[in-house]
């Protein structure tokens, strides 16, 4: 399956923000979501390319992948465990 074919349950646009805002926003949204749901985070901070997968690893969430389009990065993260 192509990463662009993933249908996210939640789409959250954080373009125009920079570290640490994208990760803070991702954390807040993930806390509201149910286990098994997928979020598409849209960011334009190049630092997010490394930050989002690292955040997933440190929080135990599943990084499904990302793609770049027109200067925006689309990250897909599946909630696999509750967040504190």
N, C-alpha and C. Protein backbone atom coordinates (compact mmCIF):
# COMPACT_ATOMS: atom_id res chain seq x y z
N UNK A 1 0.84 -1.18 0.00
CA UNK A 1 0.00 0.00 0.00
C UNK A 1 0.89 1.25 0.00
N UNK A 2 0.53 2.18 -0.83
CA UNK A 2 1.26 3.46 -0.89
C UNK A 2 0.90 4.28 0.35
N UNK A 3 1.89 4.95 0.91
CA UNK A 3 1.67 5.77 2.10
C UNK A 3 0.57 6.81 1.87
N UNK A 4 0.44 7.29 0.64
CA UNK A 4 -0.59 8.30 0.33
C UNK A 4 -2.00 7.70 0.35
N UNK A 5 -2.10 6.38 0.37
CA UNK A 5 -3.41 5.73 0.40
C UNK A 5 -3.95 5.54 1.81
N UNK A 6 -3.15 5.83 2.81
CA UNK A 6 -3.61 5.68 4.19
C UNK A 6 -4.70 6.71 4.47
N UNK A 7 -5.78 6.24 5.04
CA UNK A 7 -6.89 7.13 5.42
C UNK A 7 -6.78 7.39 6.92
N UNK A 8 -6.42 8.61 7.26
CA UNK A 8 -6.25 8.96 8.67
C UNK A 8 -7.60 9.22 9.33
N UNK A 9 -7.69 8.88 10.61
CA UNK A 9 -8.89 9.17 11.39
C UNK A 9 -8.90 10.64 11.81
N UNK A 10 -7.70 11.20 12.00
CA UNK A 10 -7.53 12.58 12.43
C UNK A 10 -6.47 13.22 11.52
N UNK A 11 -6.76 14.41 11.01
CA UNK A 11 -5.76 15.17 10.25
C UNK A 11 -5.50 16.44 11.03
N UNK A 12 -4.22 16.68 11.32
CA UNK A 12 -3.87 17.87 12.12
C UNK A 12 -2.76 18.63 11.40
N UNK A 13 -3.03 19.88 11.09
CA UNK A 13 -2.10 20.73 10.33
C UNK A 13 -1.37 21.66 11.30
N UNK A 14 -0.04 21.51 11.35
CA UNK A 14 0.78 22.37 12.21
C UNK A 14 1.77 23.18 11.37
N UNK A 15 1.44 23.38 10.08
CA UNK A 15 2.35 24.16 9.24
C UNK A 15 2.50 25.57 9.81
N UNK A 16 3.70 26.11 9.65
CA UNK A 16 3.99 27.44 10.17
C UNK A 16 4.53 27.42 11.59
N UNK A 17 4.62 26.23 12.19
CA UNK A 17 5.15 26.12 13.55
C UNK A 17 6.48 25.37 13.51
N UNK A 18 7.26 25.55 14.54
CA UNK A 18 8.57 24.92 14.62
C UNK A 18 8.74 24.25 15.97
N UNK A 19 9.73 23.38 16.07
CA UNK A 19 10.02 22.63 17.28
C UNK A 19 10.02 23.57 18.49
N UNK A 20 9.34 23.20 19.55
CA UNK A 20 8.72 21.90 19.84
C UNK A 20 7.22 21.84 19.54
N UNK A 21 6.65 22.84 18.89
CA UNK A 21 5.20 22.89 18.70
C UNK A 21 4.63 21.67 17.96
N UNK A 22 5.21 21.23 16.83
CA UNK A 22 4.61 20.07 16.16
C UNK A 22 4.49 18.83 17.06
N UNK A 23 5.52 18.56 17.85
CA UNK A 23 5.46 17.39 18.73
C UNK A 23 4.50 17.60 19.90
N UNK A 24 4.42 18.82 20.41
CA UNK A 24 3.47 19.12 21.48
C UNK A 24 2.04 18.94 20.97
N UNK A 25 1.79 19.40 19.76
CA UNK A 25 0.46 19.25 19.15
C UNK A 25 0.15 17.78 18.89
N UNK A 26 1.13 17.04 18.39
CA UNK A 26 0.95 15.61 18.13
C UNK A 26 0.62 14.89 19.43
N UNK A 27 1.34 15.20 20.48
CA UNK A 27 1.09 14.57 21.78
C UNK A 27 -0.33 14.85 22.26
N UNK A 28 -0.76 16.10 22.17
CA UNK A 28 -2.10 16.47 22.64
C UNK A 28 -3.19 15.74 21.84
N UNK A 29 -3.03 15.68 20.53
CA UNK A 29 -4.03 15.01 19.68
C UNK A 29 -4.06 13.51 19.95
N UNK A 30 -2.88 12.92 20.11
CA UNK A 30 -2.82 11.48 20.35
C UNK A 30 -3.52 11.10 21.66
N UNK A 31 -3.45 11.96 22.66
CA UNK A 31 -4.10 11.68 23.94
C UNK A 31 -5.62 11.63 23.78
N UNK A 32 -6.15 12.35 22.79
CA UNK A 32 -7.60 12.39 22.55
C UNK A 32 -8.08 11.20 21.72
N UNK A 33 -7.17 10.53 21.04
CA UNK A 33 -7.53 9.47 20.09
C UNK A 33 -7.70 8.12 20.77
N UNK A 34 -8.40 7.21 20.07
CA UNK A 34 -8.58 5.84 20.53
C UNK A 34 -7.43 4.98 20.00
N UNK A 35 -7.12 3.92 20.72
CA UNK A 35 -6.10 2.97 20.25
C UNK A 35 -6.56 2.40 18.91
N UNK A 36 -5.62 2.34 17.97
CA UNK A 36 -5.92 1.83 16.64
C UNK A 36 -6.18 2.92 15.62
N UNK A 37 -6.44 4.14 16.10
CA UNK A 37 -6.67 5.24 15.17
C UNK A 37 -5.35 5.76 14.62
N UNK A 38 -5.43 6.42 13.45
CA UNK A 38 -4.26 6.95 12.77
C UNK A 38 -4.42 8.46 12.63
N UNK A 39 -3.34 9.18 12.91
CA UNK A 39 -3.30 10.63 12.71
C UNK A 39 -2.38 10.95 11.55
N UNK A 40 -2.79 11.92 10.75
CA UNK A 40 -1.93 12.49 9.72
C UNK A 40 -1.53 13.87 10.23
N UNK A 41 -0.26 14.04 10.50
CA UNK A 41 0.27 15.32 10.96
C UNK A 41 0.93 16.01 9.77
N UNK A 42 0.49 17.22 9.46
CA UNK A 42 1.05 17.97 8.33
C UNK A 42 1.90 19.09 8.90
N UNK A 43 3.19 19.09 8.54
CA UNK A 43 4.13 20.07 9.07
C UNK A 43 5.04 20.56 7.95
N UNK A 44 5.63 21.72 8.17
CA UNK A 44 6.61 22.22 7.19
C UNK A 44 7.96 22.51 7.83
N UNK A 45 8.12 22.09 9.08
CA UNK A 45 9.40 22.22 9.78
C UNK A 45 10.28 21.03 9.40
N UNK A 46 11.40 21.26 8.68
CA UNK A 46 12.26 20.14 8.28
C UNK A 46 12.74 19.29 9.45
N UNK A 47 12.83 19.88 10.62
CA UNK A 47 13.26 19.13 11.80
C UNK A 47 12.30 18.00 12.15
N UNK A 48 11.07 18.13 11.70
CA UNK A 48 10.05 17.11 11.99
C UNK A 48 10.39 15.77 11.35
N UNK A 49 11.17 15.79 10.27
CA UNK A 49 11.53 14.56 9.57
C UNK A 49 12.24 13.59 10.52
N UNK A 50 13.07 14.11 11.39
CA UNK A 50 13.74 13.27 12.39
C UNK A 50 12.94 13.21 13.69
N UNK A 51 12.28 14.32 14.04
CA UNK A 51 11.61 14.41 15.33
C UNK A 51 10.42 13.47 15.47
N UNK A 52 9.58 13.38 14.43
CA UNK A 52 8.36 12.57 14.55
C UNK A 52 8.68 11.08 14.71
N UNK A 53 9.54 10.48 13.87
CA UNK A 53 9.87 9.06 14.11
C UNK A 53 10.52 8.82 15.48
N UNK A 54 11.37 9.75 15.91
CA UNK A 54 12.02 9.61 17.22
C UNK A 54 10.98 9.69 18.34
N UNK A 55 10.00 10.58 18.19
CA UNK A 55 8.92 10.72 19.17
C UNK A 55 8.14 9.41 19.25
N UNK A 56 7.85 8.83 18.09
CA UNK A 56 7.10 7.57 18.05
C UNK A 56 7.87 6.47 18.80
N UNK A 57 9.15 6.41 18.54
CA UNK A 57 9.98 5.39 19.20
C UNK A 57 9.99 5.59 20.71
N UNK A 58 10.11 6.83 21.15
CA UNK A 58 10.20 7.09 22.58
C UNK A 58 8.87 6.94 23.30
N UNK A 59 7.75 7.10 22.58
CA UNK A 59 6.43 7.00 23.22
C UNK A 59 5.75 5.66 22.97
N UNK A 60 6.35 4.83 22.10
CA UNK A 60 5.78 3.52 21.83
C UNK A 60 4.64 3.52 20.83
N UNK A 61 4.50 4.60 20.07
CA UNK A 61 3.47 4.66 19.02
C UNK A 61 4.07 4.16 17.71
N UNK A 62 3.22 3.80 16.76
CA UNK A 62 3.70 3.20 15.51
C UNK A 62 3.81 4.25 14.40
N UNK A 63 5.04 4.46 13.94
CA UNK A 63 5.28 5.38 12.82
C UNK A 63 5.02 4.61 11.53
N UNK A 64 4.01 5.02 10.79
CA UNK A 64 3.63 4.32 9.56
C UNK A 64 4.39 4.81 8.34
N UNK A 65 4.90 6.05 8.42
CA UNK A 65 5.65 6.60 7.31
C UNK A 65 5.30 8.04 7.04
N UNK A 66 5.93 8.60 6.03
CA UNK A 66 5.68 10.00 5.68
C UNK A 66 5.97 10.21 4.20
N UNK A 67 5.43 11.31 3.68
CA UNK A 67 5.79 11.76 2.34
C UNK A 67 5.86 13.27 2.34
N UNK A 68 6.58 13.81 1.37
CA UNK A 68 6.74 15.27 1.23
C UNK A 68 6.04 15.69 -0.05
N UNK A 69 5.29 16.79 0.05
CA UNK A 69 4.57 17.29 -1.12
C UNK A 69 4.45 18.81 -0.99
N UNK A 70 4.95 19.50 -1.98
CA UNK A 70 4.86 20.97 -2.01
C UNK A 70 5.40 21.63 -0.74
N UNK A 71 6.53 21.11 -0.24
CA UNK A 71 7.16 21.70 0.93
C UNK A 71 6.51 21.34 2.25
N UNK A 72 5.51 20.46 2.20
CA UNK A 72 4.85 20.01 3.43
C UNK A 72 5.14 18.53 3.64
N UNK A 73 5.31 18.17 4.89
CA UNK A 73 5.59 16.78 5.26
C UNK A 73 4.32 16.19 5.88
N UNK A 74 3.92 15.05 5.39
CA UNK A 74 2.73 14.37 5.89
C UNK A 74 3.19 13.11 6.63
N UNK A 75 2.98 13.11 7.95
CA UNK A 75 3.40 12.00 8.80
C UNK A 75 2.17 11.21 9.22
N UNK A 76 2.30 9.89 9.22
CA UNK A 76 1.21 9.02 9.64
C UNK A 76 1.64 8.21 10.85
N UNK A 77 0.87 8.35 11.93
CA UNK A 77 1.20 7.70 13.19
C UNK A 77 -0.04 6.96 13.70
N UNK A 78 0.15 5.70 14.06
CA UNK A 78 -0.95 4.89 14.60
C UNK A 78 -0.79 4.81 16.11
N UNK A 79 -1.90 5.08 16.81
CA UNK A 79 -1.88 4.99 18.26
C UNK A 79 -2.01 3.52 18.65
N UNK A 80 -1.01 3.00 19.32
CA UNK A 80 -1.01 1.60 19.72
C UNK A 80 -1.05 1.42 21.24
N UNK A 81 -0.88 2.49 21.98
CA UNK A 81 -0.95 2.41 23.44
C UNK A 81 -1.38 3.74 24.01
N UNK A 82 -1.94 3.69 25.20
CA UNK A 82 -2.39 4.92 25.86
C UNK A 82 -1.20 5.80 26.21
N UNK A 83 -1.45 7.09 26.23
CA UNK A 83 -0.39 8.06 26.55
C UNK A 83 -0.70 8.69 27.90
N UNK A 84 0.35 8.94 28.66
CA UNK A 84 0.18 9.56 29.99
C UNK A 84 0.17 11.07 29.85
